[in-house]
Amino acid sequence: MNKLSSMISTATVFALVAVALGSSAANAGGGAKEVFIQDYQFAKPMRGYSGHSGNYYCDYQRLPNRKCVTNANGSESCRIVGWTLREMCQ
């Protein structure tokens, strides 16, 4: 499951970069909006409002903050120590 969430997060980042790069051509005409990304740290998973906020459309991701330890036998043990709520508005 960790690998799947990592792949989804990576795909989301690539999609945001593609949107930002695609909008730079449109921004030459002065009509494109900026993309804002901000992270908030919490002890437990929080929800954000996905939808229009003023002139922007905002969406949120809940990302676990993990602390991993390698055991004496070489296996890795991870636990969630907090959560990041990532806000993306465009």
Protein backbone atom coordinates (compact mmCIF):
# COMPACT_ATOMS: atom_id res chain seq x y z
CA MET A 1 0.00 0.00 0.00
CA ASN A 2 2.91 2.33 0.76
CA LYS A 3 4.19 1.87 -2.80
CA LEU A 4 0.73 2.67 -4.22
CA SER A 5 0.35 5.89 -2.22
CA SER A 6 3.87 6.89 -3.23
CA MET A 7 3.03 6.32 -6.91
CA ILE A 8 -0.20 8.34 -6.57
CA SER A 9 1.66 11.21 -4.88
CA THR A 10 4.31 11.15 -7.61
CA ALA A 11 1.65 11.13 -10.34
CA THR A 12 -0.07 14.10 -8.68
CA VAL A 13 3.17 16.08 -8.58
CA PHE A 14 3.83 15.34 -12.26
CA ALA A 15 0.28 16.41 -13.13
CA LEU A 16 0.74 19.70 -11.26
CA VAL A 17 4.05 20.32 -13.03
CA ALA A 18 2.39 19.60 -16.38
CA VAL A 19 -0.41 22.04 -15.57
CA ALA A 20 2.10 24.69 -14.50
CA LEU A 21 4.21 24.21 -17.63
CA GLY A 22 1.16 24.18 -19.88
CA SER A 23 -0.15 27.35 -18.31
CA SER A 24 3.13 29.21 -18.91
CA ALA A 25 2.30 29.42 -22.63
CA ALA A 26 -1.17 30.69 -21.80
CA ASN A 27 0.31 33.03 -19.21
CA ALA A 28 2.23 34.81 -21.97
CA GLY A 29 -1.11 36.41 -22.87
CA GLY A 30 -1.60 37.42 -19.24
CA GLY A 31 -4.82 35.44 -18.68
CA ALA A 32 -3.63 32.48 -16.57
CA LYS A 33 -3.85 32.19 -12.79
CA GLU A 34 -1.02 31.06 -10.56
CA VAL A 35 -0.99 27.68 -8.82
CA PHE A 36 -0.66 27.87 -5.03
CA ILE A 37 0.50 24.91 -2.95
CA GLN A 38 0.69 25.06 0.83
CA ASP A 39 1.22 22.35 3.47
CA TYR A 40 -0.33 22.25 6.94
CA GLN A 41 0.89 19.87 9.68
CA PHE A 42 -1.52 18.06 12.03
CA ALA A 43 -1.39 15.25 14.58
CA LYS A 44 -4.39 13.47 13.03
CA PRO A 45 -5.79 13.30 9.48
CA MET A 46 -7.82 16.39 8.59
CA ARG A 47 -10.15 17.12 5.69
CA GLY A 48 -10.11 20.17 3.48
CA TYR A 49 -12.88 21.73 1.41
CA SER A 50 -12.52 20.83 -2.27
CA GLY A 51 -14.21 23.41 -4.44
CA HIS A 52 -14.21 27.07 -5.37
CA SER A 53 -12.76 29.56 -2.94
CA GLY A 54 -13.13 33.00 -4.41
CA ASN A 55 -11.58 33.01 -7.88
CA TYR A 56 -9.63 29.77 -7.33
CA TYR A 57 -10.47 26.07 -7.27
CA CYS A 58 -8.81 24.34 -4.31
CA ASP A 59 -8.25 20.65 -3.66
CA TYR A 60 -6.56 18.84 -0.77
CA GLN A 61 -4.45 15.73 -0.16
CA ARG A 62 -3.94 13.96 3.16
CA LEU A 63 -0.37 12.66 3.34
CA PRO A 64 0.97 10.58 6.25
CA ASN A 65 4.28 11.57 7.84
CA ARG A 66 6.12 8.33 8.58
CA LYS A 67 9.08 7.60 10.81
CA CYS A 68 10.92 4.44 9.78
CA VAL A 69 13.44 2.37 11.74
CA THR A 70 15.62 -0.44 10.42
CA ASN A 71 15.61 -3.45 12.77
CA ALA A 72 18.69 -5.55 13.61
CA ASN A 73 17.59 -8.20 11.09
CA GLY A 74 17.48 -5.59 8.29
CA SER A 75 13.70 -5.23 7.99
CA GLU A 76 12.17 -1.78 8.04
CA SER A 77 9.39 -0.82 10.45
CA CYS A 78 7.42 2.38 9.87
CA ARG A 79 4.78 4.22 11.89
CA ILE A 80 2.73 7.33 11.21
CA VAL A 81 3.82 10.22 13.44
CA GLY A 82 1.67 12.98 11.94
CA TRP A 83 -0.24 14.14 8.89
CA THR A 84 0.25 16.78 6.21
CA LEU A 85 -2.76 18.42 4.59
CA ARG A 86 -1.59 19.73 1.19
CA GLU A 87 -3.72 22.53 -0.27
CA MET A 88 -3.51 23.10 -4.03
CA CYS A 89 -5.34 26.07 -5.55
CA GLN A 90 -5.40 27.20 -9.17
